[in-house]
């Protein structure tokens, strides 16, 4: 499928399991990607009575078919979750470079479920995913952590989305921050990430995405 990598990444922080799933072409066609596809997945996977700050809640990060291509708005990604601020399903988008870098790592979307016992971060790089200890990062703000993590994973071109002290403490209007100042700023996604003990998601990808307007 042009414009898609054809894979979703699922990470269960409770069991520490990482798995890949094929992207359903019909879902991609019907819901396009980004918010549409992410909300469809959330509707299917998050029961209405789920506590937004419980391990049963899920955090979905989704790209669209133009992400990481030469087309306009090609850097954006969506975060879909049940909002602790309102108690309803929420989607929020962010610009910057994180979305494109994640897609070039080989995936159209990431589904995070469960909760880690101790602080962790994810390092996703060209089809490989590591769950790493983040105890030494807890308490850092979202600007400071950018260079720290790039040095730690030895990838100066890596992109980082993370939470700061507000997300760690479950502040209901806290948000994730990527690329030193970009934010999917609605709904309290930072609190969801914090309750999962997930400090950051670091991505580095070198794979090419075929533009949906390309001619074979």
N, C-alpha and C. Protein backbone atom coordinates (compact mmCIF):
# COMPACT_ATOMS: atom_id res chain seq x y z
N UNK A 1 0.85 -1.19 0.00
CA UNK A 1 0.00 0.00 0.00
C UNK A 1 0.88 1.24 0.00
N UNK A 2 0.75 2.06 -1.00
CA UNK A 2 1.53 3.29 -1.03
C UNK A 2 1.11 4.21 0.11
N UNK A 3 2.09 4.81 0.76
CA UNK A 3 1.81 5.70 1.87
C UNK A 3 1.77 5.00 3.22
N UNK A 4 1.88 3.69 3.24
CA UNK A 4 1.84 2.93 4.49
C UNK A 4 3.05 2.01 4.60
N UNK A 5 3.46 1.73 5.83
CA UNK A 5 4.51 0.74 6.06
C UNK A 5 3.90 -0.65 6.19
N UNK A 6 2.59 -0.71 6.48
CA UNK A 6 1.89 -1.99 6.53
C UNK A 6 1.98 -2.72 7.86
N UNK A 7 2.47 -2.04 8.92
CA UNK A 7 2.64 -2.72 10.21
C UNK A 7 2.26 -1.80 11.37
N UNK A 8 1.71 -2.41 12.41
CA UNK A 8 1.49 -1.75 13.69
C UNK A 8 2.39 -2.40 14.72
N UNK A 9 2.84 -1.62 15.67
CA UNK A 9 3.68 -2.11 16.76
C UNK A 9 2.86 -2.08 18.04
N UNK A 10 2.86 -3.19 18.78
CA UNK A 10 2.13 -3.26 20.05
C UNK A 10 3.13 -3.57 21.17
N UNK A 11 3.07 -2.76 22.23
CA UNK A 11 3.96 -2.95 23.37
C UNK A 11 3.11 -3.06 24.63
N UNK A 12 3.24 -4.18 25.32
CA UNK A 12 2.56 -4.38 26.60
C UNK A 12 3.60 -4.17 27.70
N UNK A 13 3.44 -3.08 28.45
CA UNK A 13 4.44 -2.75 29.46
C UNK A 13 4.31 -3.62 30.71
N UNK A 14 3.15 -4.22 30.93
CA UNK A 14 2.97 -5.11 32.07
C UNK A 14 3.75 -6.40 31.88
N UNK A 15 3.61 -6.99 30.70
CA UNK A 15 4.26 -8.27 30.41
C UNK A 15 5.62 -8.10 29.74
N UNK A 16 5.95 -6.86 29.34
CA UNK A 16 7.20 -6.56 28.62
C UNK A 16 7.25 -7.25 27.26
N UNK A 17 6.10 -7.47 26.68
CA UNK A 17 6.03 -8.13 25.37
C UNK A 17 5.91 -7.09 24.25
N UNK A 18 6.61 -7.35 23.18
CA UNK A 18 6.59 -6.50 21.99
C UNK A 18 6.17 -7.37 20.81
N UNK A 19 5.21 -6.89 20.02
CA UNK A 19 4.77 -7.67 18.87
C UNK A 19 4.43 -6.75 17.71
N UNK A 20 4.49 -7.31 16.51
CA UNK A 20 4.12 -6.60 15.29
C UNK A 20 2.84 -7.20 14.74
N UNK A 21 2.00 -6.35 14.15
CA UNK A 21 0.76 -6.79 13.54
C UNK A 21 0.65 -6.17 12.15
N UNK A 22 0.13 -6.93 11.22
CA UNK A 22 -0.09 -6.39 9.89
C UNK A 22 -1.22 -5.38 9.91
N UNK A 23 -1.05 -4.28 9.20
CA UNK A 23 -2.11 -3.29 9.08
C UNK A 23 -3.18 -3.82 8.13
N UNK A 24 -4.41 -3.84 8.59
CA UNK A 24 -5.53 -4.30 7.78
C UNK A 24 -5.76 -3.32 6.63
N UNK A 25 -5.57 -3.75 5.37
CA UNK A 25 -5.75 -2.83 4.24
C UNK A 25 -7.13 -2.21 4.17
N UNK A 26 -8.16 -2.95 4.57
CA UNK A 26 -9.52 -2.40 4.53
C UNK A 26 -9.68 -1.27 5.55
N UNK A 27 -9.13 -1.48 6.77
CA UNK A 27 -9.20 -0.42 7.77
C UNK A 27 -8.43 0.81 7.29
N UNK A 28 -7.27 0.59 6.68
CA UNK A 28 -6.49 1.71 6.17
C UNK A 28 -7.26 2.46 5.09
N UNK A 29 -7.96 1.72 4.25
CA UNK A 29 -8.75 2.35 3.19
C UNK A 29 -9.95 3.11 3.74
N UNK A 30 -10.64 2.49 4.70
CA UNK A 30 -11.87 3.08 5.22
C UNK A 30 -11.62 4.27 6.14
N UNK A 31 -10.53 4.21 6.92
CA UNK A 31 -10.28 5.23 7.93
C UNK A 31 -9.05 6.09 7.64
N UNK A 32 -8.35 5.79 6.56
CA UNK A 32 -7.24 6.57 6.00
C UNK A 32 -5.97 6.49 6.83
N UNK A 33 -6.04 6.75 8.11
CA UNK A 33 -4.84 6.79 8.95
C UNK A 33 -5.00 7.88 9.98
N UNK A 34 -3.94 8.16 10.73
CA UNK A 34 -3.99 9.25 11.69
C UNK A 34 -5.14 9.11 12.66
N UNK A 35 -5.91 10.19 12.84
CA UNK A 35 -7.01 10.20 13.80
C UNK A 35 -8.08 9.17 13.46
N UNK A 36 -8.43 9.05 12.17
CA UNK A 36 -9.50 8.14 11.78
C UNK A 36 -9.20 6.70 12.17
N UNK A 37 -8.04 6.22 11.77
CA UNK A 37 -7.67 4.84 12.06
C UNK A 37 -7.42 4.65 13.55
N UNK A 38 -6.78 5.63 14.18
CA UNK A 38 -6.49 5.53 15.61
C UNK A 38 -7.75 5.46 16.45
N UNK A 39 -8.74 6.29 16.12
CA UNK A 39 -10.01 6.26 16.86
C UNK A 39 -10.74 4.94 16.63
N UNK A 40 -10.69 4.41 15.42
CA UNK A 40 -11.31 3.11 15.15
C UNK A 40 -10.69 2.01 16.03
N UNK A 41 -9.36 2.00 16.12
CA UNK A 41 -8.68 1.01 16.96
C UNK A 41 -9.03 1.20 18.42
N UNK A 42 -9.07 2.46 18.87
CA UNK A 42 -9.42 2.73 20.27
C UNK A 42 -10.85 2.29 20.56
N UNK A 43 -11.75 2.55 19.64
CA UNK A 43 -13.16 2.14 19.80
C UNK A 43 -13.26 0.62 19.96
N UNK A 44 -12.46 -0.09 19.19
CA UNK A 44 -12.49 -1.56 19.24
C UNK A 44 -11.81 -2.11 20.49
N UNK A 45 -10.80 -1.41 21.02
CA UNK A 45 -9.95 -2.00 22.04
C UNK A 45 -10.11 -1.43 23.45
N UNK A 46 -10.73 -0.27 23.59
CA UNK A 46 -10.86 0.34 24.92
C UNK A 46 -12.33 0.34 25.33
N UNK A 47 -12.73 -0.53 26.26
CA UNK A 47 -14.13 -0.55 26.70
C UNK A 47 -14.54 0.79 27.31
N UNK A 48 -15.80 1.18 27.16
CA UNK A 48 -16.26 2.49 27.65
C UNK A 48 -16.01 2.72 29.14
N UNK A 49 -16.06 1.66 29.94
CA UNK A 49 -15.90 1.83 31.39
C UNK A 49 -14.45 1.86 31.86
N UNK A 50 -13.51 1.81 30.94
CA UNK A 50 -12.10 1.78 31.30
C UNK A 50 -11.68 3.06 32.03
N UNK A 51 -10.99 2.91 33.15
CA UNK A 51 -10.41 4.05 33.85
C UNK A 51 -9.24 4.56 33.01
N UNK A 52 -9.24 5.85 32.60
CA UNK A 52 -8.18 6.37 31.74
C UNK A 52 -6.78 6.25 32.32
N UNK A 53 -6.68 6.14 33.64
CA UNK A 53 -5.37 6.07 34.28
C UNK A 53 -5.05 4.67 34.80
N UNK A 54 -5.79 3.68 34.35
CA UNK A 54 -5.53 2.30 34.76
C UNK A 54 -4.63 1.60 33.74
N UNK A 55 -4.02 0.48 34.13
CA UNK A 55 -3.22 -0.28 33.16
C UNK A 55 -4.03 -0.77 31.97
N UNK A 56 -5.35 -0.88 32.12
CA UNK A 56 -6.20 -1.34 31.01
C UNK A 56 -6.35 -0.28 29.91
N UNK A 57 -6.08 0.96 30.26
CA UNK A 57 -6.17 2.03 29.26
C UNK A 57 -5.04 1.86 28.24
N UNK A 58 -5.29 2.35 27.04
CA UNK A 58 -4.28 2.22 25.98
C UNK A 58 -3.93 3.60 25.42
N UNK A 59 -2.71 3.70 24.96
CA UNK A 59 -2.21 4.92 24.35
C UNK A 59 -1.81 4.57 22.92
N UNK A 60 -2.47 5.18 21.95
CA UNK A 60 -2.24 4.85 20.54
C UNK A 60 -1.61 6.05 19.84
N UNK A 61 -0.47 5.84 19.22
CA UNK A 61 0.19 6.88 18.44
C UNK A 61 0.15 6.44 16.98
N UNK A 62 -0.42 7.29 16.12
CA UNK A 62 -0.72 6.87 14.75
C UNK A 62 -0.25 7.91 13.74
N UNK A 63 0.34 7.43 12.67
CA UNK A 63 0.71 8.30 11.55
C UNK A 63 -0.33 8.16 10.45
N UNK A 64 -0.23 8.99 9.43
CA UNK A 64 -1.12 8.92 8.28
C UNK A 64 -0.37 8.58 7.01
N UNK A 65 -1.07 8.44 5.89
CA UNK A 65 -0.44 8.00 4.64
C UNK A 65 0.52 9.01 4.02
N UNK A 66 0.47 10.29 4.44
CA UNK A 66 1.44 11.24 3.88
C UNK A 66 2.60 11.48 4.84
N UNK A 67 2.53 10.94 6.07
CA UNK A 67 3.63 11.11 7.03
C UNK A 67 4.93 10.55 6.46
N UNK A 68 6.00 11.33 6.59
CA UNK A 68 7.34 10.95 6.12
C UNK A 68 7.47 10.92 4.60
N UNK A 69 6.53 11.56 3.90
CA UNK A 69 6.65 11.73 2.46
C UNK A 69 6.98 13.19 2.17
N UNK A 70 7.03 13.55 0.90
CA UNK A 70 7.34 14.93 0.52
C UNK A 70 6.09 15.81 0.47
N UNK A 71 4.94 15.25 0.82
CA UNK A 71 3.70 16.00 0.77
C UNK A 71 3.54 16.90 2.00
N UNK A 72 2.61 17.84 1.92
CA UNK A 72 2.38 18.77 3.02
C UNK A 72 1.88 18.08 4.27
N UNK A 73 2.14 18.69 5.43
CA UNK A 73 1.79 18.17 6.76
C UNK A 73 2.39 16.79 7.01
N UNK A 74 3.52 16.50 6.39
CA UNK A 74 4.08 15.16 6.44
C UNK A 74 4.81 14.83 7.74
N UNK A 75 4.83 15.73 8.70
CA UNK A 75 5.50 15.44 9.96
C UNK A 75 4.57 15.13 11.11
N UNK A 76 3.28 15.20 10.88
CA UNK A 76 2.35 15.10 12.01
C UNK A 76 2.07 13.66 12.42
N UNK A 77 1.69 13.51 13.69
CA UNK A 77 1.20 12.24 14.20
C UNK A 77 0.06 12.52 15.17
N UNK A 78 -0.75 11.50 15.44
CA UNK A 78 -1.90 11.62 16.32
C UNK A 78 -1.71 10.74 17.56
N UNK A 79 -2.23 11.23 18.67
CA UNK A 79 -2.28 10.43 19.90
C UNK A 79 -3.75 10.22 20.23
N UNK A 80 -4.15 8.98 20.41
CA UNK A 80 -5.55 8.65 20.69
C UNK A 80 -5.60 7.89 22.01
N UNK A 81 -6.52 8.28 22.89
CA UNK A 81 -6.57 7.72 24.24
C UNK A 81 -7.88 8.12 24.90
N UNK A 82 -8.20 7.47 26.00
CA UNK A 82 -9.32 7.92 26.82
C UNK A 82 -8.79 8.97 27.77
N UNK A 83 -9.35 10.18 27.70
CA UNK A 83 -8.77 11.33 28.38
C UNK A 83 -9.10 11.34 29.87
N UNK A 84 -8.10 11.41 30.74
CA UNK A 84 -8.37 11.54 32.17
C UNK A 84 -8.97 12.89 32.53
N UNK A 85 -8.77 13.87 31.67
CA UNK A 85 -9.30 15.21 31.95
C UNK A 85 -10.81 15.27 31.76
N UNK A 86 -11.33 14.49 30.79
CA UNK A 86 -12.76 14.55 30.48
C UNK A 86 -13.48 13.22 30.65
N UNK A 87 -12.74 12.12 30.62
CA UNK A 87 -13.33 10.80 30.72
C UNK A 87 -13.87 10.26 29.41
N UNK A 88 -13.61 10.96 28.31
CA UNK A 88 -14.10 10.50 27.01
C UNK A 88 -12.94 10.27 26.05
N UNK A 89 -13.22 9.62 24.93
CA UNK A 89 -12.20 9.35 23.93
C UNK A 89 -11.68 10.66 23.35
N UNK A 90 -10.38 10.74 23.20
CA UNK A 90 -9.75 11.98 22.74
C UNK A 90 -8.69 11.67 21.69
N UNK A 91 -8.56 12.55 20.72
CA UNK A 91 -7.40 12.49 19.82
C UNK A 91 -6.76 13.86 19.78
N UNK A 92 -5.46 13.87 19.70
CA UNK A 92 -4.71 15.12 19.69
C UNK A 92 -3.51 14.95 18.78
N UNK A 93 -3.16 15.97 18.02
CA UNK A 93 -2.08 15.84 17.04
C UNK A 93 -0.90 16.74 17.39
N UNK A 94 0.25 16.37 16.85
CA UNK A 94 1.46 17.17 17.05
C UNK A 94 2.26 17.19 15.76
N UNK A 95 2.98 18.29 15.56
CA UNK A 95 3.87 18.42 14.40
C UNK A 95 5.30 18.08 14.84
N UNK A 96 6.26 18.63 14.14
CA UNK A 96 7.66 18.32 14.43
C UNK A 96 8.16 17.17 13.58
N UNK A 97 9.17 16.45 14.10
CA UNK A 97 9.84 15.39 13.33
C UNK A 97 9.57 13.99 13.87
N UNK A 98 8.98 13.89 15.07
CA UNK A 98 8.85 12.57 15.69
C UNK A 98 8.02 11.61 14.84
N UNK A 99 6.87 12.07 14.33
CA UNK A 99 5.99 11.20 13.57
C UNK A 99 6.65 10.61 12.34
N UNK A 100 7.35 11.45 11.59
CA UNK A 100 8.02 10.97 10.39
C UNK A 100 9.14 9.98 10.73
N UNK A 101 9.87 10.28 11.80
CA UNK A 101 10.97 9.38 12.19
C UNK A 101 10.43 8.03 12.65
N UNK A 102 9.32 8.05 13.38
CA UNK A 102 8.70 6.79 13.82
C UNK A 102 8.27 5.96 12.62
N UNK A 103 7.65 6.60 11.65
CA UNK A 103 7.18 5.85 10.48
C UNK A 103 8.36 5.27 9.70
N UNK A 104 9.43 6.04 9.58
CA UNK A 104 10.62 5.52 8.89
C UNK A 104 11.28 4.38 9.66
N UNK A 105 10.92 4.22 10.94
CA UNK A 105 11.42 3.08 11.71
C UNK A 105 10.69 1.80 11.34
N UNK A 106 9.59 1.93 10.54
CA UNK A 106 8.95 0.74 10.00
C UNK A 106 7.50 0.52 10.36
N UNK A 107 6.85 1.52 11.00
CA UNK A 107 5.51 1.30 11.50
C UNK A 107 4.57 2.45 11.17
N UNK A 108 3.29 2.10 11.03
CA UNK A 108 2.25 3.11 10.86
C UNK A 108 1.69 3.58 12.19
N UNK A 109 1.73 2.72 13.19
CA UNK A 109 1.17 3.09 14.48
C UNK A 109 1.75 2.28 15.62
N UNK A 110 1.60 2.81 16.84
CA UNK A 110 2.08 2.17 18.06
C UNK A 110 0.93 2.10 19.05
N UNK A 111 0.69 0.91 19.61
CA UNK A 111 -0.32 0.72 20.64
C UNK A 111 0.41 0.34 21.93
N UNK A 112 0.32 1.20 22.93
CA UNK A 112 0.95 0.94 24.23
C UNK A 112 -0.13 0.55 25.22
N UNK A 113 0.05 -0.60 25.87
CA UNK A 113 -0.93 -1.08 26.84
C UNK A 113 -0.23 -1.57 28.10
N UNK A 114 -1.01 -1.74 29.18
CA UNK A 114 -0.43 -2.16 30.43
C UNK A 114 0.32 -1.03 31.11
N UNK A 115 1.08 -1.38 32.15
CA UNK A 115 1.88 -0.40 32.88
C UNK A 115 3.12 -1.08 33.44
N UNK A 116 4.25 -0.43 33.31
CA UNK A 116 5.50 -0.99 33.82
C UNK A 116 5.56 -0.86 35.34
N UNK A 117 6.27 -1.77 35.99
CA UNK A 117 6.43 -1.70 37.45
C UNK A 117 7.32 -0.53 37.84
N UNK A 118 8.31 -0.24 36.99
CA UNK A 118 9.25 0.85 37.25
C UNK A 118 9.38 1.70 35.99
N UNK A 119 9.89 2.93 36.09
CA UNK A 119 10.00 3.79 34.92
C UNK A 119 10.82 3.15 33.79
N UNK A 120 10.29 3.25 32.57
CA UNK A 120 10.96 2.72 31.39
C UNK A 120 10.85 3.72 30.25
N UNK A 121 11.64 3.51 29.22
CA UNK A 121 11.43 4.20 27.95
C UNK A 121 11.57 3.20 26.82
N UNK A 122 10.99 3.53 25.67
CA UNK A 122 11.07 2.68 24.49
C UNK A 122 12.10 3.25 23.53
N UNK A 123 12.89 2.36 22.94
CA UNK A 123 13.79 2.74 21.86
C UNK A 123 13.42 1.91 20.64
N UNK A 124 12.84 2.58 19.64
CA UNK A 124 12.36 1.93 18.42
C UNK A 124 13.26 2.35 17.27
N UNK A 125 13.91 1.38 16.64
CA UNK A 125 14.87 1.72 15.59
C UNK A 125 14.86 0.68 14.48
N UNK A 126 14.39 1.09 13.32
CA UNK A 126 14.38 0.26 12.12
C UNK A 126 13.88 -1.16 12.38
N UNK A 127 12.66 -1.26 12.92
CA UNK A 127 12.03 -2.55 13.10
C UNK A 127 12.40 -3.27 14.38
N UNK A 128 13.19 -2.67 15.23
CA UNK A 128 13.57 -3.27 16.50
C UNK A 128 13.08 -2.38 17.64
N UNK A 129 12.62 -3.01 18.72
CA UNK A 129 12.10 -2.26 19.86
C UNK A 129 12.71 -2.77 21.15
N UNK A 130 13.22 -1.86 21.96
CA UNK A 130 13.77 -2.20 23.26
C UNK A 130 12.99 -1.45 24.35
N UNK A 131 12.74 -2.15 25.45
CA UNK A 131 12.18 -1.52 26.64
C UNK A 131 13.33 -1.34 27.62
N UNK A 132 13.68 -0.08 27.89
CA UNK A 132 14.86 0.21 28.70
C UNK A 132 14.50 0.89 30.01
N UNK A 133 15.36 0.71 30.99
CA UNK A 133 15.17 1.32 32.30
C UNK A 133 15.25 2.84 32.19
N UNK A 134 14.35 3.53 32.90
CA UNK A 134 14.32 5.00 32.85
C UNK A 134 14.35 5.61 34.25
N UNK A 135 14.78 4.85 35.25
CA UNK A 135 14.80 5.37 36.62
C UNK A 135 15.67 6.63 36.71
N UNK A 136 16.77 6.65 35.96
CA UNK A 136 17.70 7.79 36.02
C UNK A 136 17.15 9.02 35.28
N UNK A 137 16.06 8.82 34.54
CA UNK A 137 15.47 9.93 33.77
C UNK A 137 14.28 10.55 34.48
N UNK A 138 13.74 9.84 35.47
CA UNK A 138 12.54 10.31 36.17
C UNK A 138 12.84 11.64 36.86
N UNK A 139 12.00 12.61 36.63
CA UNK A 139 12.21 13.94 37.19
C UNK A 139 12.78 14.94 36.20
N UNK A 140 13.34 14.46 35.09
CA UNK A 140 13.87 15.36 34.07
C UNK A 140 12.74 16.04 33.32
N UNK A 141 13.00 17.26 32.84
CA UNK A 141 11.99 17.92 32.01
C UNK A 141 12.15 17.48 30.57
N UNK A 142 11.21 17.87 29.73
CA UNK A 142 11.15 17.34 28.36
C UNK A 142 12.18 17.98 27.43
N UNK A 143 12.81 19.06 27.85
CA UNK A 143 13.89 19.66 27.06
C UNK A 143 15.21 18.99 27.39
N UNK A 144 15.46 18.84 28.67
CA UNK A 144 16.72 18.25 29.12
C UNK A 144 16.91 16.83 28.59
N UNK A 145 15.81 16.09 28.53
CA UNK A 145 15.91 14.67 28.22
C UNK A 145 16.25 14.39 26.76
N UNK A 146 16.02 15.36 25.88
CA UNK A 146 16.26 15.14 24.45
C UNK A 146 17.72 14.72 24.18
N UNK A 147 18.67 15.54 24.59
CA UNK A 147 20.08 15.24 24.33
C UNK A 147 20.56 14.06 25.16
N UNK A 148 20.04 13.94 26.38
CA UNK A 148 20.44 12.81 27.23
C UNK A 148 20.12 11.49 26.54
N UNK A 149 18.93 11.37 25.98
CA UNK A 149 18.53 10.12 25.34
C UNK A 149 19.23 9.91 24.00
N UNK A 150 19.45 10.97 23.25
CA UNK A 150 20.19 10.80 21.99
C UNK A 150 21.59 10.27 22.27
N UNK A 151 22.22 10.77 23.29
CA UNK A 151 23.55 10.27 23.65
C UNK A 151 23.48 8.84 24.16
N UNK A 152 22.44 8.53 24.93
CA UNK A 152 22.34 7.20 25.53
C UNK A 152 22.12 6.12 24.47
N UNK A 153 21.33 6.42 23.44
CA UNK A 153 21.09 5.41 22.40
C UNK A 153 22.10 5.53 21.27
N UNK A 154 23.02 6.50 21.39
CA UNK A 154 24.08 6.71 20.39
C UNK A 154 23.52 6.97 19.00
N UNK A 155 22.45 7.76 18.96
CA UNK A 155 21.81 8.13 17.69
C UNK A 155 21.53 9.64 17.71
N UNK A 156 22.46 10.45 17.21
CA UNK A 156 22.27 11.90 17.26
C UNK A 156 21.07 12.40 16.46
N UNK A 157 20.55 11.59 15.53
CA UNK A 157 19.39 12.00 14.74
C UNK A 157 18.08 11.42 15.27
N UNK A 158 18.14 10.74 16.41
CA UNK A 158 16.92 10.17 17.00
C UNK A 158 15.98 11.29 17.42
N UNK A 159 14.68 10.97 17.45
CA UNK A 159 13.66 11.91 17.89
C UNK A 159 12.99 11.36 19.14
N UNK A 160 12.59 12.28 20.02
CA UNK A 160 12.11 11.88 21.34
C UNK A 160 10.76 12.53 21.64
N UNK A 161 9.82 11.72 22.14
CA UNK A 161 8.61 12.25 22.76
C UNK A 161 8.65 11.78 24.21
N UNK A 162 8.37 12.69 25.14
CA UNK A 162 8.53 12.35 26.55
C UNK A 162 7.55 13.14 27.40
N UNK A 163 7.54 12.79 28.68
CA UNK A 163 6.77 13.57 29.65
C UNK A 163 7.74 14.18 30.65
N UNK A 164 7.27 15.26 31.29
CA UNK A 164 8.05 15.89 32.34
C UNK A 164 7.48 15.56 33.71
N UNK A 165 7.86 16.31 34.74
CA UNK A 165 7.38 16.06 36.10
C UNK A 165 5.85 16.08 36.22
N UNK A 166 5.16 16.92 35.43
CA UNK A 166 3.70 16.98 35.52
C UNK A 166 3.07 15.66 35.09
N UNK A 167 3.53 15.10 33.99
CA UNK A 167 3.02 13.82 33.54
C UNK A 167 3.34 12.70 34.52
N UNK A 168 4.54 12.73 35.07
CA UNK A 168 4.93 11.72 36.06
C UNK A 168 4.00 11.73 37.27
N UNK A 169 3.53 12.91 37.64
CA UNK A 169 2.69 13.06 38.83
C UNK A 169 1.20 12.93 38.52
N UNK A 170 0.87 12.69 37.26
CA UNK A 170 -0.52 12.47 36.90
C UNK A 170 -1.36 13.72 36.82
N UNK A 171 -0.74 14.87 36.56
CA UNK A 171 -1.52 16.11 36.39
C UNK A 171 -2.45 15.93 35.20
N UNK A 172 -3.73 16.16 35.39
CA UNK A 172 -4.73 15.77 34.39
C UNK A 172 -4.66 16.55 33.09
N UNK A 173 -4.03 17.70 33.09
CA UNK A 173 -3.90 18.44 31.83
C UNK A 173 -2.48 18.39 31.29
N UNK A 174 -1.65 17.51 31.81
CA UNK A 174 -0.28 17.39 31.31
C UNK A 174 -0.28 16.75 29.93
N UNK A 175 0.75 17.03 29.16
CA UNK A 175 0.81 16.48 27.80
C UNK A 175 2.21 15.99 27.47
N UNK A 176 2.26 15.13 26.50
CA UNK A 176 3.51 14.66 25.94
C UNK A 176 4.16 15.80 25.15
N UNK A 177 5.49 15.80 25.09
CA UNK A 177 6.22 16.83 24.34
C UNK A 177 7.22 16.14 23.42
N UNK A 178 7.23 16.51 22.15
CA UNK A 178 8.23 15.98 21.23
C UNK A 178 9.03 17.12 20.61
N UNK A 179 10.24 16.81 20.21
CA UNK A 179 11.09 17.77 19.48
C UNK A 179 11.22 19.10 20.21
N UNK A 180 11.41 19.06 21.51
CA UNK A 180 11.70 20.25 22.31
C UNK A 180 10.67 21.36 22.13
N UNK A 181 9.41 21.02 22.31
CA UNK A 181 8.40 22.06 22.33
C UNK A 181 7.13 21.79 21.57
N UNK A 182 7.09 20.73 20.75
CA UNK A 182 5.85 20.36 20.06
C UNK A 182 5.01 19.49 20.98
N UNK A 183 3.68 19.64 20.89
CA UNK A 183 2.84 18.89 21.83
C UNK A 183 1.50 18.50 21.23
N UNK A 184 1.07 17.25 21.45
CA UNK A 184 -0.34 16.91 21.26
C UNK A 184 -1.04 17.36 22.55
N UNK A 185 -1.56 18.57 22.56
CA UNK A 185 -1.81 19.27 23.81
C UNK A 185 -3.18 19.12 24.43
N UNK A 186 -4.00 18.18 23.99
CA UNK A 186 -5.35 18.08 24.54
C UNK A 186 -5.54 16.81 25.35
N UNK A 187 -6.35 16.88 26.38
CA UNK A 187 -6.91 15.69 27.02
C UNK A 187 -6.15 15.08 28.17
N UNK A 188 -4.89 15.44 28.36
CA UNK A 188 -4.12 14.87 29.46
C UNK A 188 -3.36 13.61 29.12
N UNK A 189 -2.88 13.51 27.86
CA UNK A 189 -2.14 12.30 27.47
C UNK A 189 -0.84 12.12 28.27
N UNK A 190 -0.28 13.21 28.78
CA UNK A 190 0.91 13.09 29.61
C UNK A 190 0.66 12.29 30.88
N UNK A 191 -0.53 12.48 31.47
CA UNK A 191 -0.89 11.73 32.67
C UNK A 191 -1.05 10.24 32.36
N UNK A 192 -1.62 9.92 31.20
CA UNK A 192 -1.77 8.51 30.79
C UNK A 192 -0.40 7.86 30.64
N UNK A 193 0.51 8.57 30.00
CA UNK A 193 1.86 8.06 29.80
C UNK A 193 2.56 7.88 31.15
N UNK A 194 2.36 8.86 32.05
CA UNK A 194 2.99 8.78 33.35
C UNK A 194 2.50 7.60 34.18
N UNK A 195 1.20 7.35 34.15
CA UNK A 195 0.65 6.23 34.91
C UNK A 195 1.13 4.89 34.37
N UNK A 196 1.56 4.87 33.13
CA UNK A 196 2.13 3.65 32.56
C UNK A 196 3.61 3.52 32.90
N UNK A 197 4.14 4.50 33.65
CA UNK A 197 5.57 4.54 33.98
C UNK A 197 6.42 4.59 32.71
N UNK A 198 5.89 5.24 31.68
CA UNK A 198 6.59 5.38 30.41
C UNK A 198 7.11 6.80 30.30
N UNK A 199 8.40 6.97 30.43
CA UNK A 199 9.00 8.30 30.44
C UNK A 199 9.16 8.86 29.04
N UNK A 200 9.53 8.03 28.08
CA UNK A 200 9.83 8.56 26.74
C UNK A 200 9.74 7.45 25.70
N UNK A 201 9.57 7.89 24.44
CA UNK A 201 9.64 6.99 23.29
C UNK A 201 10.65 7.61 22.32
N UNK A 202 11.76 6.91 22.14
CA UNK A 202 12.83 7.38 21.26
C UNK A 202 12.75 6.60 19.95
N UNK A 203 12.80 7.31 18.83
CA UNK A 203 12.68 6.64 17.54
C UNK A 203 13.80 7.05 16.59
N UNK A 204 14.24 6.09 15.80
CA UNK A 204 15.21 6.37 14.74
C UNK A 204 14.91 5.43 13.59
N UNK A 205 14.69 6.00 12.40
CA UNK A 205 14.38 5.18 11.24
C UNK A 205 15.05 5.67 9.99
N UNK A 206 15.41 4.74 9.13
CA UNK A 206 16.06 5.08 7.86
C UNK A 206 15.32 4.50 6.66
N UNK A 207 14.15 3.89 6.89
CA UNK A 207 13.42 3.27 5.80
C UNK A 207 12.65 4.35 5.00
N UNK A 208 12.44 4.05 3.74
CA UNK A 208 11.74 4.97 2.87
C UNK A 208 10.24 4.66 2.82
N UNK A 209 9.45 5.72 2.71
CA UNK A 209 8.01 5.59 2.59
C UNK A 209 7.60 5.97 1.18
N UNK A 210 6.90 5.07 0.51
CA UNK A 210 6.48 5.36 -0.85
C UNK A 210 5.30 6.31 -0.84
N UNK A 211 5.44 7.44 -1.49
CA UNK A 211 4.38 8.45 -1.50
C UNK A 211 3.10 7.88 -2.11
N UNK A 212 1.93 8.21 -1.55
CA UNK A 212 0.66 7.72 -2.11
C UNK A 212 0.37 8.29 -3.49
N UNK A 213 1.13 9.30 -3.92
CA UNK A 213 0.93 9.87 -5.24
C UNK A 213 1.95 9.34 -6.26
N UNK A 214 2.81 8.42 -5.82
CA UNK A 214 3.81 7.90 -6.72
C UNK A 214 3.18 7.05 -7.82
N UNK A 215 3.81 7.02 -8.95
CA UNK A 215 3.33 6.21 -10.07
C UNK A 215 4.30 5.06 -10.28
N UNK A 216 3.78 3.84 -10.24
CA UNK A 216 4.64 2.67 -10.39
C UNK A 216 5.13 2.54 -11.83
